[in-house]
Amino acid sequence: MLMQAAIFTSILTLGFKATEYKPFALFRRPSLLIRTFLSMYVVVPVVTGVILAMVPLPVGVKTGVILLAISPVAITARHSMLALGAHPGYVHSLLMSMTLISVVMVPISLAILTALPLALDAIAPPFEVAKTLAQVVVLPLIIGSAFRRLAPRWAERYHQPINGISGKVLLATLLALLALNLDGFAEAGLLSIIVLFVLSALGLAAGHLLGGPALGERAALAIASAQRQMALVTLVAATNFPGAVTIDVIVIYLFITMLTIIPYTKWCKKQLAAKEEKT
């Protein structure tokens, strides 16, 4: 319940910005929209499927990896995207568009991946997942957008405080779940950790390559493809198949992503600095 409330308020703040930027501006750039969609919901899941076919992993680890590969973008990633030169309008549109698309794509991707022979033993109920996504994604976006229209000053004033508190609560909840499910570490093993590092790095690479010529858009899509909505995925896992190893894999990926993003962020900042010197 605490995690649901934290996710709800986190996405609520995204709705607070709905009229400040055009939330669906990405749909006016079909090429970038297609590349964004391909990176997040085609390339990463396909690569994940190939890895699952090649590497023998426990069932709980498979389930966690599948959920990570098809999960929506992390709302908290917008700060990292903006710091790397991405335009605020693009960042907000990416977050809003891909979050809403996830309500449809996550259940579809989940049904496909769990039906394949390579992951047949990793079972998750797509309709229950869709219901959960609708409750914690669509509803807060609608409410947040309504607040923005009806009380724009209130939304602007409390956007940052609410977002900051919800982010801290989410992190604390994830850490608590990790502490309560330490038994899953032994089952996950070193091979699972290596797979998670590979998936994080491949997510960054896919987004960067498909992001287009602008470094800001490349960086934003790279982070979006790698830094997924961990809290939402953990909620889905805890609600539908609360195995210790599945939850551990998801939470561990959060910290692995933080580590893999650090060198990428430093590289992007060097590229931005070099570009500024030339101009």
Protein backbone atom coordinates (compact mmCIF):
# COMPACT_ATOMS: atom_id res chain seq x y z
CA MET A 1 0.00 0.00 0.00
CA LEU A 2 2.87 2.37 0.80
CA MET A 3 4.49 1.63 -2.55
CA GLN A 4 1.21 2.14 -4.41
CA ALA A 5 0.75 5.52 -2.72
CA ALA A 6 4.32 6.57 -3.52
CA ILE A 7 4.04 5.54 -7.18
CA PHE A 8 0.66 7.28 -7.43
CA THR A 9 2.02 10.59 -6.13
CA SER A 10 5.18 10.32 -8.24
CA ILE A 11 3.17 9.96 -11.45
CA LEU A 12 0.72 12.58 -10.18
CA THR A 13 3.52 15.16 -10.36
CA LEU A 14 4.08 14.23 -14.00
CA GLY A 15 0.48 15.22 -14.63
CA PHE A 16 1.17 18.57 -12.92
CA LYS A 17 3.35 19.45 -15.92
CA ALA A 18 0.80 18.35 -18.52
CA THR A 19 -0.10 21.82 -19.77
CA GLU A 20 3.30 23.45 -19.25
CA TYR A 21 4.73 21.31 -22.04
CA LYS A 22 2.88 19.55 -24.81
CA PRO A 23 2.52 16.05 -23.38
CA PHE A 24 2.04 14.39 -26.75
CA ALA A 25 4.49 16.47 -28.79
CA LEU A 26 6.40 13.27 -29.50
CA PHE A 27 3.53 12.10 -31.71
CA ARG A 28 4.22 15.08 -33.97
CA ARG A 29 7.68 13.68 -34.63
CA PRO A 30 6.86 10.23 -36.04
CA SER A 31 10.46 9.23 -36.68
CA LEU A 32 11.56 9.96 -33.11
CA LEU A 33 8.38 8.39 -31.71
CA ILE A 34 9.02 5.15 -33.64
CA ARG A 35 12.66 5.04 -32.57
CA THR A 36 11.69 5.66 -28.95
CA PHE A 37 9.08 2.92 -29.08
CA LEU A 38 11.47 0.49 -30.79
CA SER A 39 14.20 1.05 -28.24
CA MET A 40 12.00 0.60 -25.17
CA TYR A 41 9.40 -1.95 -26.23
CA VAL A 42 11.02 -3.91 -29.06
CA VAL A 43 14.83 -3.95 -28.95
CA VAL A 44 15.25 -4.38 -25.19
CA PRO A 45 12.56 -7.11 -24.85
CA VAL A 46 13.92 -8.99 -27.89
CA VAL A 47 17.46 -8.89 -26.55
CA THR A 48 16.13 -10.06 -23.20
CA GLY A 49 14.40 -12.99 -24.90
CA VAL A 50 17.64 -13.96 -26.63
CA ILE A 51 19.54 -13.82 -23.34
CA LEU A 52 16.92 -15.95 -21.60
CA ALA A 53 17.25 -18.50 -24.39
CA MET A 54 21.04 -18.65 -24.07
CA VAL A 55 21.60 -18.38 -20.32
CA PRO A 56 20.15 -20.86 -17.80
CA LEU A 57 18.52 -18.84 -15.02
CA PRO A 58 16.17 -19.74 -12.15
CA VAL A 59 12.45 -19.22 -12.77
CA GLY A 60 12.24 -16.33 -10.31
CA VAL A 61 15.14 -14.58 -12.01
CA LYS A 62 13.54 -15.08 -15.43
CA THR A 63 10.33 -13.49 -14.19
CA GLY A 64 12.18 -10.50 -12.78
CA VAL A 65 14.23 -10.03 -15.96
CA ILE A 66 11.11 -10.22 -18.13
CA LEU A 67 9.31 -7.62 -16.02
CA LEU A 68 12.33 -5.30 -16.17
CA ALA A 69 12.60 -5.60 -19.96
CA ILE A 70 9.01 -4.52 -20.58
CA SER A 71 8.52 -2.01 -17.76
CA PRO A 72 7.81 1.69 -18.40
CA VAL A 73 10.35 4.48 -18.04
CA ALA A 74 11.23 5.70 -14.55
CA ILE A 75 9.54 9.04 -13.82
CA THR A 76 12.53 10.07 -11.67
CA ALA A 77 14.80 9.76 -14.71
CA ARG A 78 13.72 13.18 -16.00
CA HIS A 79 16.31 14.97 -13.82
CA SER A 80 19.14 12.94 -15.36
CA MET A 81 17.78 13.55 -18.85
CA LEU A 82 17.56 17.32 -18.36
CA ALA A 83 21.08 17.42 -16.89
CA LEU A 84 22.41 15.92 -20.13
CA GLY A 85 20.96 18.62 -22.35
CA ALA A 86 17.63 17.07 -23.35
CA HIS A 87 14.88 19.59 -24.12
CA PRO A 88 12.26 19.74 -21.31
CA GLY A 89 9.44 19.40 -23.83
CA TYR A 90 10.91 16.20 -25.27
CA VAL A 91 11.62 14.76 -21.83
CA HIS A 92 8.10 15.39 -20.59
CA SER A 93 6.52 14.09 -23.77
CA LEU A 94 8.69 10.96 -23.67
CA LEU A 95 7.75 10.26 -20.06
CA MET A 96 4.05 10.93 -20.57
CA SER A 97 3.71 9.09 -23.90
CA MET A 98 5.75 6.01 -23.01
CA THR A 99 4.10 5.75 -19.58
CA LEU A 100 0.62 5.70 -21.12
CA ILE A 101 1.70 3.30 -23.88
CA SER A 102 3.01 0.95 -21.19
CA VAL A 103 -0.54 0.26 -20.01
CA VAL A 104 -1.13 -1.53 -23.33
CA MET A 105 2.37 -2.71 -24.20
CA VAL A 106 3.39 -4.24 -20.86
CA PRO A 107 0.53 -6.80 -20.75
CA ILE A 108 0.98 -7.62 -24.46
CA SER A 109 4.75 -8.05 -24.12
CA LEU A 110 4.29 -10.07 -20.96
CA ALA A 111 1.83 -12.41 -22.66
CA ILE A 112 4.21 -12.92 -25.61
CA LEU A 113 7.37 -13.46 -23.57
CA THR A 114 5.79 -15.84 -21.07
CA ALA A 115 4.23 -17.85 -23.92
CA LEU A 116 7.57 -18.53 -25.59
CA PRO A 117 9.33 -21.85 -24.85
CA LEU A 118 12.38 -19.99 -23.57
CA ALA A 119 10.37 -18.49 -20.70
CA LEU A 120 7.44 -20.85 -20.44
CA ASP A 121 8.09 -21.45 -16.76
CA ALA A 122 8.00 -17.73 -15.94
CA ILE A 123 4.30 -17.05 -15.60
CA ALA A 124 2.57 -13.73 -14.95
CA PRO A 125 -1.12 -12.75 -15.42
CA PRO A 126 -1.22 -10.04 -18.13
CA PHE A 127 -4.74 -8.84 -17.30
CA GLU A 128 -3.93 -8.40 -13.63
CA VAL A 129 -0.80 -6.49 -14.62
CA ALA A 130 -2.88 -4.25 -16.93
CA LYS A 131 -5.30 -3.55 -14.08
CA THR A 132 -2.45 -2.59 -11.76
CA LEU A 133 -0.90 -0.31 -14.38
CA ALA A 134 -4.21 1.43 -15.04
CA GLN A 135 -4.70 2.11 -11.35
CA VAL A 136 -1.24 3.49 -10.61
CA VAL A 137 -0.45 5.11 -13.98
CA VAL A 138 -3.52 6.35 -15.84
CA LEU A 139 -5.53 7.56 -12.84
CA PRO A 140 -2.80 9.78 -11.30
CA LEU A 141 -1.95 11.23 -14.73
CA ILE A 142 -5.59 12.25 -15.22
CA ILE A 143 -5.87 13.70 -11.72
CA GLY A 144 -2.54 15.53 -12.04
CA SER A 145 -3.53 17.03 -15.40
CA ALA A 146 -6.86 18.17 -13.94
CA PHE A 147 -5.08 19.86 -11.03
CA ARG A 148 -2.78 21.62 -13.46
CA ARG A 149 -5.74 23.10 -15.30
CA LEU A 150 -7.84 23.94 -12.24
CA ALA A 151 -5.10 25.08 -9.87
CA PRO A 152 -1.93 25.81 -11.87
CA ARG A 153 -0.25 27.81 -9.08
CA TRP A 154 -0.85 25.03 -6.56
CA ALA A 155 0.50 22.42 -8.98
CA GLU A 156 3.61 24.48 -9.71
CA ARG A 157 4.24 25.23 -6.04
CA TYR A 158 3.93 21.68 -4.75
CA HIS A 159 5.32 19.80 -7.74
CA GLN A 160 8.90 19.58 -6.47
CA PRO A 161 8.11 18.87 -2.76
CA ILE A 162 5.65 16.08 -3.58
CA ASN A 163 7.97 14.56 -6.15
CA GLY A 164 10.89 14.66 -3.73
CA ILE A 165 8.98 13.03 -0.90
CA SER A 166 7.51 10.31 -3.11
CA GLY A 167 10.98 9.54 -4.51
CA LYS A 168 12.43 9.10 -1.02
CA VAL A 169 9.51 6.94 0.07
CA LEU A 170 9.91 4.74 -3.03
CA LEU A 171 13.62 4.26 -2.40
CA ALA A 172 13.02 3.46 1.27
CA THR A 173 10.30 0.96 0.36
CA LEU A 174 12.51 -0.75 -2.22
CA LEU A 175 15.34 -1.03 0.30
CA ALA A 176 12.93 -2.45 2.87
CA LEU A 177 11.72 -5.04 0.36
CA LEU A 178 15.31 -5.97 -0.41
CA ALA A 179 16.05 -6.39 3.30
CA LEU A 180 12.96 -8.55 3.79
CA ASN A 181 13.81 -10.79 0.83
CA LEU A 182 17.51 -11.42 1.31
CA ASP A 183 16.91 -15.16 0.87
CA GLY A 184 16.62 -14.54 -2.86
CA PHE A 185 20.29 -13.58 -3.19
CA ALA A 186 21.48 -17.15 -2.90
CA GLU A 187 19.07 -18.33 -5.58
CA ALA A 188 19.91 -15.47 -7.94
CA GLY A 189 23.65 -16.08 -7.99
CA LEU A 190 26.52 -14.31 -9.74
CA LEU A 191 25.32 -15.25 -13.24
CA SER A 192 22.07 -13.33 -12.68
CA ILE A 193 24.02 -10.24 -11.58
CA ILE A 194 26.13 -10.40 -14.76
CA VAL A 195 22.96 -10.70 -16.88
CA LEU A 196 21.49 -7.62 -15.18
CA PHE A 197 24.66 -5.62 -15.92
CA VAL A 198 24.49 -6.71 -19.57
CA LEU A 199 20.83 -5.74 -19.87
CA SER A 200 21.46 -2.32 -18.34
CA ALA A 201 24.38 -1.64 -20.69
CA LEU A 202 22.42 -2.86 -23.74
CA GLY A 203 19.49 -0.62 -22.78
CA LEU A 204 21.81 2.40 -22.73
CA ALA A 205 23.34 1.39 -26.07
CA ALA A 206 19.97 0.83 -27.75
CA GLY A 207 18.61 4.19 -26.66
CA HIS A 208 21.78 6.05 -27.61
CA LEU A 209 21.93 4.52 -31.09
CA LEU A 210 18.23 5.08 -31.81
CA GLY A 211 18.00 8.53 -30.22
CA GLY A 212 18.96 10.43 -33.37
CA PRO A 213 21.63 13.06 -34.08
CA ALA A 214 20.92 15.35 -31.09
CA LEU A 215 22.98 14.35 -28.06
CA GLY A 216 20.27 15.44 -25.63
CA GLU A 217 17.67 13.20 -27.25
CA ARG A 218 20.14 10.32 -27.47
CA ALA A 219 20.96 10.63 -23.78
CA ALA A 220 17.30 10.89 -22.78
CA LEU A 221 16.31 7.79 -24.73
CA ALA A 222 19.36 5.87 -23.48
CA ILE A 223 18.44 6.58 -19.86
CA ALA A 224 14.77 5.81 -20.54
CA SER A 225 15.68 2.44 -22.07
CA ALA A 226 17.93 1.45 -19.17
CA GLN A 227 16.39 3.12 -16.12
CA ARG A 228 12.96 1.54 -15.90
CA GLN A 229 10.18 2.09 -13.36
CA MET A 230 11.55 -0.21 -10.65
CA ALA A 231 8.89 0.59 -8.06
CA LEU A 232 6.06 -0.21 -10.45
CA VAL A 233 7.71 -3.46 -11.53
CA THR A 234 8.30 -4.42 -7.91
CA LEU A 235 4.66 -3.70 -7.14
CA VAL A 236 3.55 -5.95 -10.00
CA ALA A 237 5.93 -8.67 -8.82
CA ALA A 238 4.89 -8.42 -5.17
CA THR A 239 1.21 -8.45 -6.10
CA ASN A 240 1.22 -11.32 -8.59
CA PHE A 241 4.18 -13.57 -7.74
CA PRO A 242 5.91 -12.43 -4.53
CA GLY A 243 8.94 -14.71 -4.73
CA ALA A 244 12.02 -13.47 -2.88
CA VAL A 245 14.37 -13.89 -5.84
CA THR A 246 12.07 -12.02 -8.26
CA ILE A 247 11.87 -8.99 -5.98
CA ASP A 248 15.61 -9.14 -5.27
CA VAL A 249 16.47 -9.17 -8.97
CA ILE A 250 14.33 -6.10 -9.62
CA VAL A 251 15.73 -4.10 -6.71
CA ILE A 252 19.32 -5.12 -7.49
CA TYR A 253 18.82 -3.88 -11.06
CA LEU A 254 18.07 -0.42 -9.64
CA PHE A 255 21.56 -0.18 -8.16
CA ILE A 256 23.21 -1.80 -11.16
CA THR A 257 21.60 0.79 -13.43
CA MET A 258 22.90 3.58 -11.22
CA LEU A 259 26.42 2.19 -11.65
CA THR A 260 26.20 1.74 -15.43
CA ILE A 261 24.70 5.21 -15.97
CA ILE A 262 27.57 6.97 -14.14
CA PRO A 263 30.24 6.47 -16.87
CA TYR A 264 27.69 7.15 -19.62
CA THR A 265 26.65 10.40 -17.93
CA LYS A 266 30.28 11.50 -17.58
CA TRP A 267 30.90 10.75 -21.27
CA CYS A 268 27.82 12.75 -22.33
CA LYS A 269 28.86 15.73 -20.22
CA LYS A 270 32.30 15.69 -21.85
CA GLN A 271 30.62 15.67 -25.27
CA LEU A 272 28.43 18.62 -24.28
CA ALA A 273 31.42 20.54 -22.95
CA ALA A 274 33.37 19.91 -26.16
CA LYS A 275 30.40 21.07 -28.22
CA GLU A 276 30.11 24.28 -26.21
CA GLU A 277 33.81 25.02 -26.68
CA LYS A 278 33.45 24.70 -30.45
CA THR A 279 30.50 27.11 -30.51
